[in-house]
Amino acid sequence: MADNNELLMDENENAVITLTDDEGNEVEFELLDVVEYDNEEYIVLIENNEDADEVVILKINSLDEETEEYVSIDDDDLLQRIFLRFKNNYRGNINFE
C-alpha cells in the first residue's frame, strides 16, 4: 500500500498521510510515530476514522532527498518488535488493549 502518498496536517495539527492501496483506492491515515529499529525507519499509522482499531507499520525507503516510499513488511516477528518499540515510546498515552 505505498504507490502514492501525500502528507498533510489536519485541523488538529495531526499529520495525515493519504496512501493509495493496491486497488487504487486512496486511504487516509494519521501518523502516530516514526520508529527507528535496526538502523531502519518505520512509520506507524492508524486509519483516519473513528472505527480504526489497528495500527499499520510500513518501512520507509528514501528514494532521494525529497521522496519516500512506504513498503509493507512481511516478517511478522519484525512487525512485533517494531510495535513493541512503538508501545514503549507511548506507554501510558495510548490504550493498546
C-alpha atoms as a PDB file:
ATOM      1  CA  MET A   1       0.000   0.000   0.000  1.00  0.00           C
ATOM      2  CA  ALA A   2       2.527   2.607  -0.961  1.00  0.00           C
ATOM      3  CA  ASP A   3       2.228   3.634  -4.568  1.00  0.00           C
ATOM      4  CA  ASN A   4       1.366   7.219  -3.802  1.00  0.00           C
ATOM      5  CA  ASN A   5       1.435   9.296  -0.654  1.00  0.00           C
ATOM      6  CA  GLU A   6       0.678  12.779   0.486  1.00  0.00           C
ATOM      7  CA  LEU A   7       1.431  14.271   3.889  1.00  0.00           C
ATOM      8  CA  LEU A   8      -0.950  16.912   5.211  1.00  0.00           C
ATOM      9  CA  MET A   9      -1.677  18.444   8.580  1.00  0.00           C
ATOM     10  CA  ASP A  10      -5.328  18.283   9.621  1.00  0.00           C
ATOM     11  CA  GLU A  11      -7.131  20.913  11.649  1.00  0.00           C
ATOM     12  CA  ASN A  12      -5.959  19.301  14.910  1.00  0.00           C
ATOM     13  CA  GLU A  13      -2.292  19.521  13.842  1.00  0.00           C
ATOM     14  CA  ASN A  14      -2.050  15.749  13.388  1.00  0.00           C
ATOM     15  CA  ALA A  15      -0.102  14.579  10.358  1.00  0.00           C
ATOM     16  CA  VAL A  16      -2.393  12.890   7.851  1.00  0.00           C
ATOM     17  CA  ILE A  17      -0.977  10.717   5.098  1.00  0.00           C
ATOM     18  CA  THR A  18      -3.005   9.639   2.094  1.00  0.00           C
ATOM     19  CA  LEU A  19      -1.862   6.314   0.666  1.00  0.00           C
ATOM     20  CA  THR A  20      -3.065   4.550  -2.441  1.00  0.00           C
ATOM     21  CA  ASP A  21      -3.810   0.865  -1.884  1.00  0.00           C
ATOM     22  CA  ASP A  22      -3.262  -1.985  -4.340  1.00  0.00           C
ATOM     23  CA  GLU A  23      -6.728  -1.441  -5.853  1.00  0.00           C
ATOM     24  CA  GLY A  24      -6.116   2.270  -6.462  1.00  0.00           C
ATOM     25  CA  ASN A  25      -8.251   3.497  -3.539  1.00  0.00           C
ATOM     26  CA  GLU A  26      -6.990   6.449  -1.514  1.00  0.00           C
ATOM     27  CA  VAL A  27      -6.973   5.847   2.248  1.00  0.00           C
ATOM     28  CA  GLU A  28      -6.182   8.497   4.875  1.00  0.00           C
ATOM     29  CA  PHE A  29      -4.041   7.595   7.878  1.00  0.00           C
ATOM     30  CA  GLU A  30      -2.972   9.555  10.924  1.00  0.00           C
ATOM     31  CA  LEU A  31       0.758   9.497  11.577  1.00  0.00           C
ATOM     32  CA  LEU A  32       1.406   8.185  15.081  1.00  0.00           C
ATOM     33  CA  ASP A  33       5.181   7.866  15.061  1.00  0.00           C
ATOM     34  CA  VAL A  34       8.340   7.131  13.135  1.00  0.00           C
ATOM     35  CA  VAL A  35      10.259   4.320  14.823  1.00  0.00           C
ATOM     36  CA  GLU A  36      13.907   3.551  14.247  1.00  0.00           C
ATOM     37  CA  TYR A  37      14.792  -0.116  14.523  1.00  0.00           C
ATOM     38  CA  ASP A  38      17.998  -1.866  13.447  1.00  0.00           C
ATOM     39  CA  ASN A  39      19.193   1.228  11.518  1.00  0.00           C
ATOM     40  CA  GLU A  40      15.966   1.388   9.503  1.00  0.00           C
ATOM     41  CA  GLU A  41      12.970   3.713   9.877  1.00  0.00           C
ATOM     42  CA  TYR A  42       9.364   2.589  10.053  1.00  0.00           C
ATOM     43  CA  ILE A  43       6.199   4.677  10.004  1.00  0.00           C
ATOM     44  CA  VAL A  44       3.362   3.810  12.395  1.00  0.00           C
ATOM     45  CA  LEU A  45      -0.086   4.833  11.159  1.00  0.00           C
ATOM     46  CA  ILE A  46      -3.719   4.395  12.082  1.00  0.00           C
ATOM     47  CA  GLU A  47      -6.583   4.753   9.635  1.00  0.00           C
ATOM     48  CA  ASN A  48      -8.111   8.204   9.975  1.00  0.00           C
ATOM     49  CA  ASN A  49     -11.623   7.205  11.043  1.00  0.00           C
ATOM     50  CA  GLU A  50     -13.442   6.622  14.328  1.00  0.00           C
ATOM     51  CA  ASP A  51     -13.676   2.841  13.895  1.00  0.00           C
ATOM     52  CA  ALA A  52      -9.957   2.245  13.398  1.00  0.00           C
ATOM     53  CA  ASP A  53      -8.527  -0.179  15.927  1.00  0.00           C
ATOM     54  CA  GLU A  54      -5.303  -1.402  14.336  1.00  0.00           C
ATOM     55  CA  VAL A  55      -2.061   0.320  13.519  1.00  0.00           C
ATOM     56  CA  VAL A  56      -0.263  -0.095  10.215  1.00  0.00           C
ATOM     57  CA  ILE A  57       3.523  -0.283  10.178  1.00  0.00           C
ATOM     58  CA  LEU A  58       5.405   0.354   6.941  1.00  0.00           C
ATOM     59  CA  LYS A  59       9.106   0.551   6.172  1.00  0.00           C
ATOM     60  CA  ILE A  60      10.340   3.944   4.954  1.00  0.00           C
ATOM     61  CA  ASN A  61      12.545   3.795   1.856  1.00  0.00           C
ATOM     62  CA  SER A  62      14.137   7.086   0.846  1.00  0.00           C
ATOM     63  CA  LEU A  63      14.185   7.363  -2.930  1.00  0.00           C
ATOM     64  CA  ASP A  64      16.021  10.694  -2.866  1.00  0.00           C
ATOM     65  CA  GLU A  65      16.297  13.698  -0.554  1.00  0.00           C
ATOM     66  CA  GLU A  66      12.669  14.719  -1.163  1.00  0.00           C
ATOM     67  CA  THR A  67      10.857  11.469  -1.893  1.00  0.00           C
ATOM     68  CA  GLU A  68       9.995   8.484   0.281  1.00  0.00           C
ATOM     69  CA  GLU A  69       8.039   5.330  -0.341  1.00  0.00           C
ATOM     70  CA  TYR A  70       6.322   3.210   2.292  1.00  0.00           C
ATOM     71  CA  VAL A  71       6.676  -0.542   1.919  1.00  0.00           C
ATOM     72  CA  SER A  72       4.689  -3.368   3.514  1.00  0.00           C
ATOM     73  CA  ILE A  73       6.521  -5.669   5.903  1.00  0.00           C
ATOM     74  CA  ASP A  74       6.002  -9.416   5.536  1.00  0.00           C
ATOM     75  CA  ASP A  75       8.057 -10.507   8.563  1.00  0.00           C
ATOM     76  CA  ASP A  76       5.623 -10.931  11.493  1.00  0.00           C
ATOM     77  CA  ASP A  77       8.456 -11.114  14.042  1.00  0.00           C
ATOM     78  CA  LEU A  78       9.884  -7.823  12.786  1.00  0.00           C
ATOM     79  CA  LEU A  79       6.435  -6.213  12.947  1.00  0.00           C
ATOM     80  CA  GLN A  80       6.042  -7.334  16.561  1.00  0.00           C
ATOM     81  CA  ARG A  81       9.473  -5.923  17.524  1.00  0.00           C
ATOM     82  CA  ILE A  82       8.697  -2.572  15.897  1.00  0.00           C
ATOM     83  CA  PHE A  83       5.260  -2.460  17.531  1.00  0.00           C
ATOM     84  CA  LEU A  84       6.829  -3.206  20.929  1.00  0.00           C
ATOM     85  CA  ARG A  85       9.278  -0.332  20.430  1.00  0.00           C
ATOM     86  CA  PHE A  86       6.344   1.933  19.463  1.00  0.00           C
ATOM     87  CA  LYS A  87       4.345   0.862  22.554  1.00  0.00           C
ATOM     88  CA  ASN A  88       7.321   1.513  24.822  1.00  0.00           C
ATOM     89  CA  ASN A  89       7.606   5.038  23.402  1.00  0.00           C
ATOM     90  CA  TYR A  90       3.926   5.729  24.190  1.00  0.00           C
ATOM     91  CA  ARG A  91       3.448   3.835  27.431  1.00  0.00           C
ATOM     92  CA  GLY A  92       0.600   5.437  29.303  1.00  0.00           C
ATOM     93  CA  ASN A  93      -0.553   7.664  26.444  1.00  0.00           C
ATOM     94  CA  ILE A  94      -2.443   5.089  24.368  1.00  0.00           C
ATOM     95  CA  ASN A  95      -4.533   2.100  25.411  1.00  0.00           C
ATOM     96  CA  PHE A  96      -3.315  -0.916  23.393  1.00  0.00           C
ATOM     97  CA  GLU A  97      -5.781  -3.417  24.816  1.00  0.00           C
END
